[in-house]
């Protein structure tokens, strides 16, 4: 149950490192004990499957060696900066390290918590008004509230009066036309007809 399905591609502990770049590319790197000795005694024969505790021990050993390499690199950088700055000189500006290693120092739980808070705040902004709305807004004004009733009645009365005056003048014109038409005489071939 605790056996992995396949062997992971972990480097065997007693296998020497290989130069990947530079003048010595492809050459093996041996520790100070010589080509046949390694820093850690071999845990098991190559090619044999490892159990879980052996894998953990190997990963822990690799992590500690990586930490040692990082520590050496930092010490060399500090020495180089101290030499470059000189006595009484201004210390060099710290350079930004954009290698992305900062994410390795943040726990998964912290990342998940920050992501949860950010997403929760964004969703809250989106759905805040849909869920609760703005409960203290005044009701919208009635569509006819822009009109004044007294003013409209006054204009209506004025227009009715004008209509009555126009009807009266129309009636006068009609009566005048009727009078004028009755006075017209038409001559047809020698006989006169009055209308």
N, C-alpha and C. Protein backbone atom coordinates (compact mmCIF):
# COMPACT_ATOMS: atom_id res chain seq x y z
N UNK A 1 0.82 -1.20 0.00
CA UNK A 1 0.00 0.00 0.00
C UNK A 1 0.86 1.25 0.00
N UNK A 2 2.02 1.23 0.66
CA UNK A 2 2.88 2.40 0.74
C UNK A 2 3.91 2.42 -0.37
N UNK A 3 3.85 1.51 -1.31
CA UNK A 3 4.82 1.47 -2.39
C UNK A 3 4.33 2.32 -3.55
N UNK A 4 5.17 3.18 -4.09
CA UNK A 4 4.75 3.98 -5.23
C UNK A 4 4.58 3.11 -6.46
N UNK A 5 3.78 3.59 -7.39
CA UNK A 5 3.51 2.85 -8.61
C UNK A 5 4.77 2.73 -9.45
N UNK A 6 5.58 3.75 -9.47
CA UNK A 6 6.82 3.72 -10.26
C UNK A 6 7.93 4.38 -9.46
N UNK A 7 9.14 4.11 -9.85
CA UNK A 7 10.28 4.76 -9.22
C UNK A 7 10.35 6.20 -9.69
N UNK A 8 10.50 7.12 -8.76
CA UNK A 8 10.60 8.52 -9.13
C UNK A 8 12.00 8.80 -9.67
N UNK A 9 12.14 9.79 -10.51
CA UNK A 9 13.45 10.06 -11.11
C UNK A 9 14.38 10.82 -10.16
N UNK A 10 14.52 10.32 -8.93
CA UNK A 10 15.45 10.93 -7.99
C UNK A 10 16.85 10.41 -8.28
N UNK A 11 17.82 11.29 -8.17
CA UNK A 11 19.20 10.91 -8.41
C UNK A 11 19.67 10.00 -7.29
N UNK A 12 20.40 8.98 -7.62
CA UNK A 12 20.94 8.08 -6.62
C UNK A 12 21.96 8.84 -5.81
N UNK A 13 21.97 8.61 -4.49
CA UNK A 13 22.79 9.41 -3.60
C UNK A 13 24.27 9.26 -3.89
N UNK A 14 24.74 8.06 -4.22
CA UNK A 14 26.17 7.87 -4.41
C UNK A 14 26.62 8.17 -5.84
N UNK A 15 25.73 8.59 -6.69
CA UNK A 15 26.11 8.95 -8.05
C UNK A 15 26.66 10.37 -8.05
N UNK A 16 27.83 10.59 -8.63
CA UNK A 16 28.40 11.94 -8.60
C UNK A 16 27.62 12.89 -9.52
N UNK A 17 27.69 14.16 -9.20
CA UNK A 17 27.03 15.18 -10.01
C UNK A 17 27.78 15.36 -11.32
N UNK A 18 27.11 15.99 -12.30
CA UNK A 18 27.69 16.22 -13.62
C UNK A 18 27.61 17.70 -13.92
N UNK A 19 28.69 18.27 -14.49
CA UNK A 19 28.66 19.66 -14.92
C UNK A 19 27.71 19.77 -16.11
N UNK A 20 26.82 20.73 -16.05
CA UNK A 20 25.83 20.91 -17.10
C UNK A 20 26.25 22.01 -18.07
N UNK A 21 27.00 22.98 -17.59
CA UNK A 21 27.34 24.14 -18.41
C UNK A 21 28.78 24.54 -18.14
N UNK A 22 29.44 25.08 -19.12
CA UNK A 22 30.79 25.61 -18.92
C UNK A 22 31.84 24.75 -19.61
N UNK A 23 33.10 25.01 -19.22
CA UNK A 23 34.22 24.29 -19.84
C UNK A 23 34.21 22.81 -19.50
N UNK A 24 33.73 22.46 -18.33
CA UNK A 24 33.76 21.07 -17.87
C UNK A 24 32.43 20.35 -18.14
N UNK A 25 31.67 20.81 -19.09
CA UNK A 25 30.36 20.26 -19.39
C UNK A 25 30.47 18.76 -19.65
N UNK A 26 29.63 17.98 -18.96
CA UNK A 26 29.60 16.53 -19.13
C UNK A 26 30.54 15.80 -18.19
N UNK A 27 31.46 16.47 -17.52
CA UNK A 27 32.38 15.81 -16.59
C UNK A 27 31.70 15.64 -15.24
N UNK A 28 32.08 14.56 -14.55
CA UNK A 28 31.50 14.29 -13.23
C UNK A 28 32.22 15.09 -12.17
N UNK A 29 31.46 15.51 -11.17
CA UNK A 29 32.00 16.27 -10.05
C UNK A 29 32.14 15.32 -8.87
N UNK A 30 33.36 15.15 -8.38
CA UNK A 30 33.59 14.26 -7.25
C UNK A 30 33.86 15.09 -6.01
N UNK A 31 33.42 14.56 -4.88
CA UNK A 31 33.69 15.25 -3.62
C UNK A 31 35.16 15.13 -3.29
N UNK A 32 35.60 15.75 -2.19
CA UNK A 32 37.01 15.80 -1.85
C UNK A 32 37.58 14.43 -1.51
N UNK A 33 36.75 13.44 -1.27
CA UNK A 33 37.23 12.11 -0.91
C UNK A 33 37.72 11.31 -2.09
N UNK A 34 37.58 11.76 -3.29
CA UNK A 34 38.01 11.02 -4.46
C UNK A 34 36.85 10.55 -5.28
N UNK A 35 37.13 9.94 -6.43
CA UNK A 35 36.04 9.58 -7.32
C UNK A 35 35.17 8.43 -6.80
N UNK A 36 35.64 7.61 -5.92
CA UNK A 36 34.85 6.46 -5.51
C UNK A 36 34.08 6.69 -4.23
N UNK A 37 34.38 7.75 -3.47
CA UNK A 37 33.70 7.98 -2.21
C UNK A 37 32.61 9.03 -2.41
N UNK A 38 31.52 8.90 -1.68
CA UNK A 38 30.47 9.91 -1.73
C UNK A 38 30.25 10.45 -0.33
N UNK A 39 29.57 11.56 -0.22
CA UNK A 39 29.38 12.22 1.07
C UNK A 39 28.45 11.41 1.97
N UNK A 40 27.49 10.72 1.38
CA UNK A 40 26.51 9.95 2.15
C UNK A 40 26.65 8.50 1.75
N UNK A 41 26.65 7.59 2.69
CA UNK A 41 26.75 6.18 2.32
C UNK A 41 25.54 5.76 1.51
N UNK A 42 25.73 4.85 0.58
CA UNK A 42 24.59 4.44 -0.24
C UNK A 42 23.51 3.78 0.60
N UNK A 43 22.26 4.10 0.26
CA UNK A 43 21.14 3.58 1.04
C UNK A 43 20.71 2.22 0.50
N UNK A 44 20.86 2.00 -0.80
CA UNK A 44 20.48 0.72 -1.36
C UNK A 44 21.03 0.60 -2.76
N UNK A 45 20.91 -0.55 -3.32
CA UNK A 45 21.45 -0.80 -4.64
C UNK A 45 20.66 -0.04 -5.70
N UNK A 46 21.33 0.48 -6.73
CA UNK A 46 20.60 1.18 -7.79
C UNK A 46 19.65 0.22 -8.51
N UNK A 47 18.50 0.76 -8.88
CA UNK A 47 17.53 -0.04 -9.64
C UNK A 47 16.54 -0.74 -8.75
N UNK A 48 16.76 -0.82 -7.46
CA UNK A 48 15.84 -1.49 -6.54
C UNK A 48 14.79 -0.47 -6.10
N UNK A 49 13.54 -0.87 -5.98
CA UNK A 49 12.52 0.08 -5.53
C UNK A 49 12.76 0.49 -4.07
N UNK A 50 12.47 1.76 -3.77
CA UNK A 50 12.67 2.27 -2.42
C UNK A 50 11.34 2.32 -1.70
N UNK A 51 11.41 2.12 -0.39
CA UNK A 51 10.18 2.28 0.38
C UNK A 51 10.02 3.77 0.74
N UNK A 52 8.92 4.09 1.38
CA UNK A 52 8.58 5.50 1.62
C UNK A 52 9.58 6.19 2.53
N UNK A 53 10.04 5.53 3.59
CA UNK A 53 10.98 6.16 4.52
C UNK A 53 12.32 6.43 3.84
N UNK A 54 12.75 5.53 2.94
CA UNK A 54 14.00 5.76 2.21
C UNK A 54 13.86 6.97 1.27
N UNK A 55 12.71 7.08 0.64
CA UNK A 55 12.48 8.23 -0.24
C UNK A 55 12.50 9.52 0.56
N UNK A 56 11.86 9.51 1.73
CA UNK A 56 11.86 10.70 2.57
C UNK A 56 13.26 11.07 3.00
N UNK A 57 14.06 10.08 3.37
CA UNK A 57 15.43 10.35 3.79
C UNK A 57 16.23 10.94 2.64
N UNK A 58 16.02 10.41 1.43
CA UNK A 58 16.75 10.91 0.27
C UNK A 58 16.33 12.34 -0.06
N UNK A 59 15.05 12.64 0.01
CA UNK A 59 14.57 13.99 -0.26
C UNK A 59 15.11 14.95 0.79
N UNK A 60 15.12 14.53 2.05
CA UNK A 60 15.64 15.38 3.12
C UNK A 60 17.13 15.67 2.89
N UNK A 61 17.89 14.65 2.48
CA UNK A 61 19.31 14.84 2.21
C UNK A 61 19.50 15.81 1.06
N UNK A 62 18.70 15.66 0.01
CA UNK A 62 18.82 16.56 -1.14
C UNK A 62 18.46 17.99 -0.74
N UNK A 63 17.41 18.15 0.06
CA UNK A 63 17.02 19.49 0.51
C UNK A 63 18.12 20.14 1.34
N UNK A 64 18.74 19.35 2.24
CA UNK A 64 19.80 19.93 3.06
C UNK A 64 21.00 20.33 2.20
N UNK A 65 21.34 19.52 1.19
CA UNK A 65 22.46 19.90 0.32
C UNK A 65 22.12 21.14 -0.50
N UNK A 66 20.88 21.28 -0.93
CA UNK A 66 20.48 22.48 -1.66
C UNK A 66 20.54 23.70 -0.74
N UNK A 67 20.12 23.53 0.53
CA UNK A 67 20.21 24.64 1.48
C UNK A 67 21.65 25.07 1.70
N UNK A 68 22.55 24.08 1.78
CA UNK A 68 23.97 24.41 1.95
C UNK A 68 24.50 25.18 0.74
N UNK A 69 24.11 24.75 -0.46
CA UNK A 69 24.54 25.46 -1.66
C UNK A 69 24.01 26.90 -1.68
N UNK A 70 22.75 27.07 -1.29
CA UNK A 70 22.18 28.42 -1.22
C UNK A 70 22.91 29.27 -0.21
N UNK A 71 23.24 28.68 0.95
CA UNK A 71 23.96 29.43 1.98
C UNK A 71 25.33 29.86 1.47
N UNK A 72 26.04 28.97 0.78
CA UNK A 72 27.35 29.31 0.21
C UNK A 72 27.22 30.44 -0.82
N UNK A 73 26.20 30.35 -1.65
CA UNK A 73 26.00 31.37 -2.67
C UNK A 73 25.74 32.74 -2.01
N UNK A 74 24.90 32.76 -0.97
CA UNK A 74 24.62 34.02 -0.28
C UNK A 74 25.89 34.59 0.37
N UNK A 75 26.68 33.69 0.98
CA UNK A 75 27.93 34.16 1.60
C UNK A 75 28.88 34.74 0.56
N UNK A 76 28.96 34.09 -0.60
CA UNK A 76 29.82 34.61 -1.68
C UNK A 76 29.32 35.96 -2.17
N UNK A 77 28.01 36.11 -2.28
CA UNK A 77 27.45 37.40 -2.71
C UNK A 77 27.77 38.49 -1.70
N UNK A 78 27.64 38.16 -0.41
CA UNK A 78 27.94 39.15 0.63
C UNK A 78 29.41 39.55 0.60
N UNK A 79 30.30 38.55 0.41
CA UNK A 79 31.72 38.85 0.32
C UNK A 79 31.99 39.73 -0.90
N UNK A 80 31.38 39.39 -2.03
CA UNK A 80 31.57 40.19 -3.25
C UNK A 80 31.06 41.61 -3.08
N UNK A 81 29.94 41.78 -2.40
CA UNK A 81 29.40 43.13 -2.16
C UNK A 81 30.30 43.92 -1.22
N UNK A 82 30.79 43.22 -0.19
CA UNK A 82 31.66 43.91 0.76
C UNK A 82 32.95 44.37 0.07
N UNK A 83 33.49 43.53 -0.82
CA UNK A 83 34.70 43.91 -1.55
C UNK A 83 34.42 45.03 -2.55
N UNK A 84 33.27 44.97 -3.19
CA UNK A 84 32.93 45.98 -4.19
C UNK A 84 32.68 47.33 -3.52
N UNK A 85 32.08 47.30 -2.35
CA UNK A 85 31.79 48.55 -1.65
C UNK A 85 33.04 49.20 -1.11
N UNK A 86 34.01 48.40 -0.69
CA UNK A 86 35.26 48.93 -0.15
C UNK A 86 35.05 49.56 1.21
N UNK A 87 36.14 49.86 1.91
CA UNK A 87 36.00 50.49 3.24
C UNK A 87 35.57 51.94 3.08
N UNK A 88 34.56 52.31 3.81
CA UNK A 88 34.09 53.69 3.77
C UNK A 88 33.30 54.01 2.52
N UNK A 89 33.20 53.07 1.63
CA UNK A 89 32.45 53.30 0.39
C UNK A 89 30.97 53.09 0.61
N UNK A 90 30.25 53.54 -0.31
CA UNK A 90 28.81 53.38 -0.24
C UNK A 90 28.45 51.92 -0.55
N UNK A 91 27.54 51.30 0.21
CA UNK A 91 27.16 49.92 -0.11
C UNK A 91 26.40 49.90 -1.42
N UNK A 92 26.58 48.85 -2.19
CA UNK A 92 25.88 48.78 -3.47
C UNK A 92 24.37 48.67 -3.27
N UNK A 93 23.64 49.11 -4.27
CA UNK A 93 22.18 49.03 -4.19
C UNK A 93 21.74 47.58 -4.21
N UNK A 94 20.76 47.24 -3.40
CA UNK A 94 20.24 45.87 -3.47
C UNK A 94 19.47 45.70 -4.78
N UNK A 95 19.73 44.62 -5.46
CA UNK A 95 19.07 44.37 -6.73
C UNK A 95 17.85 43.51 -6.50
N UNK A 96 16.83 43.79 -7.27
CA UNK A 96 15.61 43.01 -7.16
C UNK A 96 15.84 41.63 -7.74
N UNK A 97 15.33 40.65 -7.02
CA UNK A 97 15.45 39.27 -7.49
C UNK A 97 14.09 38.85 -8.02
N UNK A 98 13.97 38.82 -9.33
CA UNK A 98 12.69 38.47 -9.95
C UNK A 98 12.67 37.02 -10.40
N UNK A 99 13.38 36.18 -9.68
CA UNK A 99 13.48 34.78 -10.11
C UNK A 99 12.24 33.98 -9.76
N UNK A 100 11.34 34.52 -8.94
CA UNK A 100 10.13 33.80 -8.59
C UNK A 100 10.32 32.90 -7.38
N UNK A 101 11.44 33.03 -6.67
CA UNK A 101 11.68 32.19 -5.50
C UNK A 101 10.85 32.61 -4.30
N UNK A 102 10.27 33.82 -4.34
CA UNK A 102 9.49 34.29 -3.20
C UNK A 102 8.28 33.40 -2.98
N UNK A 103 7.74 32.85 -4.02
CA UNK A 103 6.55 32.02 -3.90
C UNK A 103 6.86 30.72 -3.17
N UNK A 104 8.12 30.29 -3.16
CA UNK A 104 8.49 29.06 -2.46
C UNK A 104 8.42 29.24 -0.95
N UNK A 105 8.51 30.47 -0.47
CA UNK A 105 8.52 30.72 0.96
C UNK A 105 7.13 31.00 1.51
N UNK A 106 6.12 31.01 0.68
CA UNK A 106 4.74 31.25 1.11
C UNK A 106 4.04 29.91 1.16
N UNK A 107 3.36 29.65 2.27
CA UNK A 107 2.71 28.35 2.40
C UNK A 107 1.47 28.28 1.52
N UNK A 108 1.09 27.07 1.22
CA UNK A 108 -0.10 26.85 0.38
C UNK A 108 -1.34 27.37 1.07
N UNK A 109 -1.38 27.22 2.39
CA UNK A 109 -2.54 27.69 3.15
C UNK A 109 -2.67 29.20 3.03
N UNK A 110 -1.56 29.92 3.13
CA UNK A 110 -1.59 31.38 3.02
C UNK A 110 -2.03 31.81 1.63
N UNK A 111 -1.51 31.14 0.61
CA UNK A 111 -1.93 31.46 -0.75
C UNK A 111 -3.43 31.23 -0.93
N UNK A 112 -3.91 30.09 -0.43
CA UNK A 112 -5.34 29.77 -0.57
C UNK A 112 -6.19 30.78 0.18
N UNK A 113 -5.75 31.18 1.37
CA UNK A 113 -6.52 32.13 2.16
C UNK A 113 -6.59 33.49 1.47
N UNK A 114 -5.47 33.96 0.95
CA UNK A 114 -5.45 35.24 0.24
C UNK A 114 -6.30 35.19 -1.02
N UNK A 115 -6.22 34.08 -1.75
CA UNK A 115 -7.03 33.94 -2.96
C UNK A 115 -8.52 33.92 -2.60
N UNK A 116 -8.88 33.23 -1.50
CA UNK A 116 -10.27 33.18 -1.06
C UNK A 116 -10.77 34.57 -0.71
N UNK A 117 -9.98 35.33 0.07
CA UNK A 117 -10.40 36.68 0.45
C UNK A 117 -10.57 37.57 -0.76
N UNK A 118 -9.61 37.51 -1.71
CA UNK A 118 -9.69 38.35 -2.90
C UNK A 118 -10.94 38.01 -3.71
N UNK A 119 -11.17 36.72 -3.93
CA UNK A 119 -12.35 36.31 -4.71
C UNK A 119 -13.64 36.66 -3.99
N UNK A 120 -13.65 36.51 -2.65
CA UNK A 120 -14.85 36.84 -1.89
C UNK A 120 -15.16 38.33 -2.00
N UNK A 121 -14.13 39.17 -1.91
CA UNK A 121 -14.34 40.61 -2.03
C UNK A 121 -14.85 40.99 -3.42
N UNK A 122 -14.31 40.36 -4.45
CA UNK A 122 -14.76 40.67 -5.81
C UNK A 122 -16.21 40.23 -6.01
N UNK A 123 -16.56 39.05 -5.53
CA UNK A 123 -17.93 38.58 -5.68
C UNK A 123 -18.88 39.45 -4.86
N UNK A 124 -18.43 39.92 -3.71
CA UNK A 124 -19.25 40.80 -2.89
C UNK A 124 -19.54 42.10 -3.62
N UNK A 125 -18.53 42.65 -4.30
CA UNK A 125 -18.74 43.87 -5.08
C UNK A 125 -19.75 43.65 -6.20
N UNK A 126 -19.68 42.48 -6.82
CA UNK A 126 -20.56 42.20 -7.95
C UNK A 126 -22.00 42.02 -7.50
N UNK A 127 -22.21 41.22 -6.44
CA UNK A 127 -23.57 40.84 -6.07
C UNK A 127 -24.15 41.62 -4.90
N UNK A 128 -23.45 42.62 -4.40
CA UNK A 128 -23.94 43.36 -3.24
C UNK A 128 -25.28 44.02 -3.53
N UNK A 129 -25.39 44.70 -4.64
CA UNK A 129 -26.63 45.41 -4.95
C UNK A 129 -27.72 44.45 -5.43
N UNK A 130 -27.33 43.34 -6.03
CA UNK A 130 -28.34 42.38 -6.47
C UNK A 130 -28.99 41.70 -5.28
N UNK A 131 -28.22 41.42 -4.23
CA UNK A 131 -28.76 40.71 -3.08
C UNK A 131 -29.50 41.66 -2.13
N UNK A 132 -28.94 42.80 -1.85
CA UNK A 132 -29.54 43.69 -0.85
C UNK A 132 -30.16 44.93 -1.46
N UNK A 133 -29.60 45.41 -2.52
CA UNK A 133 -30.10 46.63 -3.15
C UNK A 133 -29.81 47.84 -2.28
N UNK A 134 -30.26 48.97 -2.71
CA UNK A 134 -30.11 50.18 -1.92
C UNK A 134 -31.46 50.46 -1.29
N UNK A 135 -31.64 50.09 -0.01
CA UNK A 135 -32.95 50.11 0.64
C UNK A 135 -33.40 51.51 1.04
N UNK A 136 -32.52 52.48 0.99
CA UNK A 136 -32.88 53.82 1.44
C UNK A 136 -33.07 54.79 0.29
N UNK A 137 -33.28 54.31 -0.89
CA UNK A 137 -33.49 55.21 -2.01
C UNK A 137 -34.95 55.67 -2.02
N UNK A 138 -35.20 56.93 -2.33
CA UNK A 138 -36.59 57.39 -2.40
C UNK A 138 -37.27 56.77 -3.62
N UNK A 139 -38.60 56.65 -3.55
CA UNK A 139 -39.30 56.08 -4.72
C UNK A 139 -39.17 57.03 -5.91
N UNK A 140 -39.20 56.49 -7.09
CA UNK A 140 -39.06 57.35 -8.27
C UNK A 140 -40.26 58.30 -8.37
N UNK A 141 -40.06 59.51 -8.89
CA UNK A 141 -41.17 60.47 -9.00
C UNK A 141 -42.21 59.98 -10.01
N UNK A 142 -43.45 60.39 -9.79
CA UNK A 142 -44.52 60.02 -10.71
C UNK A 142 -44.27 60.71 -12.05
N UNK A 143 -44.64 60.08 -13.15
CA UNK A 143 -44.32 60.66 -14.45
C UNK A 143 -45.03 62.00 -14.71
N UNK A 144 -46.16 62.25 -14.08
CA UNK A 144 -46.90 63.48 -14.32
C UNK A 144 -46.60 64.55 -13.26
N UNK A 145 -45.62 64.29 -12.40
CA UNK A 145 -45.34 65.23 -11.31
C UNK A 145 -44.67 66.52 -11.81
N UNK A 146 -44.22 66.54 -13.04
CA UNK A 146 -43.57 67.76 -13.55
C UNK A 146 -44.59 68.83 -13.94
N UNK A 147 -45.87 68.45 -14.00
CA UNK A 147 -46.92 69.40 -14.40
C UNK A 147 -47.62 69.97 -13.16
N UNK A 148 -48.05 71.24 -13.29
CA UNK A 148 -48.81 71.91 -12.23
C UNK A 148 -50.28 71.90 -12.64
N UNK A 149 -51.15 71.35 -11.78
CA UNK A 149 -52.56 71.16 -12.13
C UNK A 149 -53.28 72.51 -12.34
N UNK A 150 -53.02 73.47 -11.50
CA UNK A 150 -53.69 74.78 -11.63
C UNK A 150 -53.27 75.46 -12.94
N UNK A 151 -52.02 75.36 -13.26
CA UNK A 151 -51.53 75.97 -14.50
C UNK A 151 -52.17 75.31 -15.72
N UNK A 152 -52.31 73.99 -15.68
CA UNK A 152 -52.92 73.26 -16.81
C UNK A 152 -54.40 73.65 -16.94
N UNK A 153 -55.11 73.74 -15.80
CA UNK A 153 -56.53 74.12 -15.86
C UNK A 153 -56.69 75.55 -16.40
N UNK A 154 -55.78 76.43 -16.01
CA UNK A 154 -55.83 77.80 -16.51
C UNK A 154 -55.63 77.84 -18.02
N UNK A 155 -54.63 77.10 -18.51
CA UNK A 155 -54.38 77.05 -19.96
C UNK A 155 -55.56 76.40 -20.68
N UNK A 156 -56.15 75.38 -20.07
CA UNK A 156 -57.30 74.70 -20.69
C UNK A 156 -58.48 75.65 -20.82
N UNK A 157 -58.75 76.43 -19.79
CA UNK A 157 -59.86 77.39 -19.84
C UNK A 157 -59.61 78.45 -20.90
N UNK A 158 -58.37 78.91 -20.99
CA UNK A 158 -57.99 79.91 -21.98
C UNK A 158 -58.21 79.37 -23.39
N UNK A 159 -57.78 78.10 -23.62
CA UNK A 159 -57.95 77.49 -24.93
C UNK A 159 -59.43 77.28 -25.26
N UNK A 160 -60.25 76.91 -24.27
CA UNK A 160 -61.69 76.73 -24.51
C UNK A 160 -62.33 78.05 -24.91
N UNK A 161 -61.91 79.12 -24.27
CA UNK A 161 -62.43 80.46 -24.61
C UNK A 161 -62.05 80.82 -26.04
N UNK A 162 -60.78 80.53 -26.43
CA UNK A 162 -60.35 80.82 -27.79
C UNK A 162 -61.15 79.98 -28.80
N UNK A 163 -61.43 78.75 -28.44
CA UNK A 163 -62.22 77.89 -29.34
C UNK A 163 -63.63 78.46 -29.52
N UNK A 164 -64.22 78.91 -28.42
CA UNK A 164 -65.56 79.50 -28.52
C UNK A 164 -65.54 80.75 -29.40
N UNK A 165 -64.51 81.57 -29.26
CA UNK A 165 -64.39 82.77 -30.07
C UNK A 165 -64.23 82.39 -31.55
N UNK A 166 -63.44 81.38 -31.83
CA UNK A 166 -63.26 80.96 -33.21
C UNK A 166 -64.56 80.40 -33.80
N UNK A 167 -65.30 79.63 -32.98
CA UNK A 167 -66.58 79.11 -33.46
C UNK A 167 -67.56 80.25 -33.76
N UNK A 168 -67.55 81.29 -32.90
CA UNK A 168 -68.44 82.45 -33.12
C UNK A 168 -68.07 83.18 -34.40
N UNK A 169 -66.74 83.37 -34.63
CA UNK A 169 -66.33 84.07 -35.85
C UNK A 169 -66.65 83.21 -37.08
N UNK A 170 -66.57 81.89 -36.95
CA UNK A 170 -66.92 81.01 -38.06
C UNK A 170 -68.41 81.12 -38.37
N UNK A 171 -69.20 81.15 -37.33
CA UNK A 171 -70.65 81.28 -37.54
C UNK A 171 -70.97 82.62 -38.22
N UNK A 172 -70.29 83.70 -37.85
CA UNK A 172 -70.51 85.00 -38.48
C UNK A 172 -70.13 84.94 -39.96
N UNK A 173 -69.02 84.31 -40.26
CA UNK A 173 -68.60 84.21 -41.66
C UNK A 173 -69.61 83.39 -42.48
N UNK A 174 -70.07 82.31 -41.87
CA UNK A 174 -71.06 81.48 -42.58
C UNK A 174 -72.34 82.30 -42.88
N UNK A 175 -72.77 83.07 -41.90
CA UNK A 175 -73.98 83.89 -42.09
C UNK A 175 -73.74 84.96 -43.15
N UNK A 176 -72.53 85.57 -43.15
CA UNK A 176 -72.21 86.60 -44.14
C UNK A 176 -72.14 85.96 -45.52
N UNK A 177 -71.62 84.81 -45.63
CA UNK A 177 -71.54 84.15 -46.93
C UNK A 177 -72.95 83.81 -47.45
N UNK A 178 -73.80 83.37 -46.54
CA UNK A 178 -75.17 83.07 -46.96
C UNK A 178 -75.88 84.33 -47.46
N UNK A 179 -75.64 85.44 -46.80
CA UNK A 179 -76.26 86.69 -47.25
C UNK A 179 -75.71 87.12 -48.59
N UNK A 180 -74.39 86.98 -48.75
CA UNK A 180 -73.77 87.40 -50.01
C UNK A 180 -74.23 86.50 -51.16
N UNK A 181 -74.45 85.26 -50.92
CA UNK A 181 -74.85 84.35 -52.00
C UNK A 181 -76.30 84.61 -52.43
N UNK A 182 -77.11 85.05 -51.52
CA UNK A 182 -78.50 85.30 -51.90
C UNK A 182 -78.63 86.54 -52.80
N UNK A 183 -77.68 87.44 -52.77
CA UNK A 183 -77.72 88.64 -53.58
C UNK A 183 -77.12 88.44 -54.96
N UNK A 184 -76.58 87.32 -55.28
CA UNK A 184 -75.92 87.10 -56.55
C UNK A 184 -76.99 86.74 -57.60
N UNK A 185 -76.85 87.38 -58.79
CA UNK A 185 -77.74 87.05 -59.91
C UNK A 185 -76.90 86.46 -61.01
N UNK A 186 -77.45 85.46 -61.63
CA UNK A 186 -76.74 84.79 -62.70
C UNK A 186 -77.58 84.96 -63.97
N UNK A 187 -76.90 85.36 -65.06
CA UNK A 187 -77.63 85.50 -66.32
C UNK A 187 -77.31 84.29 -67.17
N UNK A 188 -78.38 83.66 -67.66
CA UNK A 188 -78.23 82.50 -68.50
C UNK A 188 -78.97 82.77 -69.83
N UNK A 189 -78.23 83.04 -70.79
CA UNK A 189 -78.77 83.20 -72.14
C UNK A 189 -79.90 84.21 -72.24
N UNK A 190 -79.85 85.22 -71.59
CA UNK A 190 -80.84 86.27 -71.68
C UNK A 190 -81.80 86.29 -70.54
N UNK A 191 -81.92 85.24 -69.73
CA UNK A 191 -82.82 85.24 -68.58
C UNK A 191 -81.99 85.36 -67.32
N UNK A 192 -82.41 86.12 -66.39
CA UNK A 192 -81.65 86.31 -65.15
C UNK A 192 -82.24 85.46 -64.07
N UNK A 193 -81.35 84.84 -63.26
CA UNK A 193 -81.78 83.99 -62.14
C UNK A 193 -81.09 84.57 -60.87
N UNK A 194 -81.83 84.77 -59.82
CA UNK A 194 -81.25 85.25 -58.56
C UNK A 194 -81.17 84.05 -57.62
N UNK A 195 -80.11 84.06 -56.93
CA UNK A 195 -79.93 82.98 -55.99
C UNK A 195 -80.18 83.44 -54.60
